[in-house]
Amino acid sequence: MAPNDAEMPNRHALSENIEEIAKHLANLRKDLDSLAGSIERTGSHQAENLQDQANEALGALEDTVRRDPLTTLAIALGLGFFLAILFRR
């Protein structure tokens, strides 16, 4: 069955619309890939920064314990006692 002459322009326009949509989808995919890469890089940098801050805090805590071990022990005992009371309820 041969297509009507009236249907040909509609099919041509539809074909052009589909090609345009395919191009937009390809561009969208590129943009999403780029965004995913940016998020990955940012997350990696944030994880590194967090690790550095944790290491600095641990170092400061170690220095404090070495300088004044009795005070540190007293604080730890006090916190332990407080937590025991808190969790007992």
Protein backbone atom coordinates (compact mmCIF):
# COMPACT_ATOMS: atom_id res chain seq x y z
CA MET A 1 0.00 0.00 0.00
CA ALA A 2 1.60 3.27 -1.12
CA PRO A 3 1.47 6.24 1.26
CA ASN A 4 -0.79 9.12 0.38
CA ASP A 5 0.81 12.35 -0.78
CA ALA A 6 -0.81 14.09 2.18
CA GLU A 7 0.96 11.75 4.65
CA MET A 8 4.47 12.37 3.28
CA PRO A 9 5.01 15.86 4.79
CA ASN A 10 3.81 14.60 8.17
CA ARG A 11 6.22 11.68 8.07
CA HIS A 12 9.09 13.96 7.03
CA ALA A 13 8.30 16.41 9.85
CA LEU A 14 8.06 13.54 12.31
CA SER A 15 11.40 12.17 11.17
CA GLU A 16 13.00 15.59 11.65
CA ASN A 17 11.48 15.89 15.11
CA ILE A 18 12.81 12.47 16.09
CA GLU A 19 16.30 13.40 14.87
CA GLU A 20 16.17 16.65 16.83
CA ILE A 21 15.06 14.81 19.97
CA ALA A 22 17.89 12.29 19.50
CA LYS A 23 20.42 15.16 19.29
CA HIS A 24 19.00 16.73 22.45
CA LEU A 25 19.20 13.41 24.26
CA ALA A 26 22.81 12.94 23.16
CA ASN A 27 23.67 16.42 24.47
CA LEU A 28 21.83 15.72 27.70
CA ARG A 29 23.78 12.50 28.15
CA LYS A 30 27.08 14.36 27.65
CA ASP A 31 26.00 16.97 30.20
CA LEU A 32 25.00 14.29 32.71
CA ASP A 33 28.33 12.50 32.25
CA SER A 34 30.14 15.78 32.83
CA LEU A 35 28.06 16.51 35.91
CA ALA A 36 28.71 13.03 37.32
CA GLY A 37 32.45 13.55 36.85
CA SER A 38 32.29 16.91 38.61
CA ILE A 39 30.37 15.42 41.52
CA GLU A 40 32.87 12.59 41.80
CA ARG A 41 35.82 14.99 41.86
CA THR A 42 34.14 17.24 44.43
CA GLY A 43 33.26 14.27 46.63
CA SER A 44 36.81 12.99 46.45
CA HIS A 45 38.21 16.38 47.46
CA GLN A 46 35.74 16.66 50.32
CA ALA A 47 36.66 13.18 51.57
CA GLU A 48 40.36 14.12 51.49
CA ASN A 49 39.65 17.35 53.40
CA LEU A 50 37.62 15.46 56.00
CA GLN A 51 40.42 12.92 56.43
CA ASP A 52 42.95 15.73 56.90
CA GLN A 53 40.76 17.41 59.53
CA ALA A 54 40.27 14.11 61.36
CA ASN A 55 44.02 13.51 61.39
CA GLU A 56 44.64 17.03 62.75
CA ALA A 57 42.04 16.53 65.49
CA LEU A 58 43.56 13.18 66.42
CA GLY A 59 47.02 14.75 66.57
CA ALA A 60 45.73 17.56 68.81
CA LEU A 61 44.06 15.01 71.09
CA GLU A 62 47.26 12.97 71.33
CA ASP A 63 49.24 16.11 72.21
CA THR A 64 46.74 17.01 74.92
CA VAL A 65 46.88 13.52 76.42
CA ARG A 66 50.69 13.58 76.46
CA ARG A 67 50.85 17.05 78.06
CA ASP A 68 48.29 16.40 80.77
CA PRO A 69 47.36 12.73 81.14
CA LEU A 70 45.71 13.03 84.58
CA THR A 71 43.29 15.73 83.47
CA THR A 72 42.47 13.72 80.36
CA LEU A 73 41.82 10.63 82.48
CA ALA A 74 39.58 12.60 84.83
CA ILE A 75 37.57 13.98 81.91
CA ALA A 76 37.22 10.49 80.42
CA LEU A 77 36.02 9.08 83.74
CA GLY A 78 33.55 11.92 84.17
CA LEU A 79 32.15 11.42 80.67
CA GLY A 80 31.91 7.69 81.26
CA PHE A 81 30.03 8.24 84.51
CA PHE A 82 27.67 10.73 82.82
CA LEU A 83 26.98 8.35 79.92
CA ALA A 84 26.36 5.47 82.31
CA ILE A 85 23.74 7.51 84.14
CA LEU A 86 22.20 8.70 80.88
CA PHE A 87 21.91 5.21 79.35
CA ARG A 88 20.70 3.61 82.55
CA ARG A 89 17.39 5.46 82.23
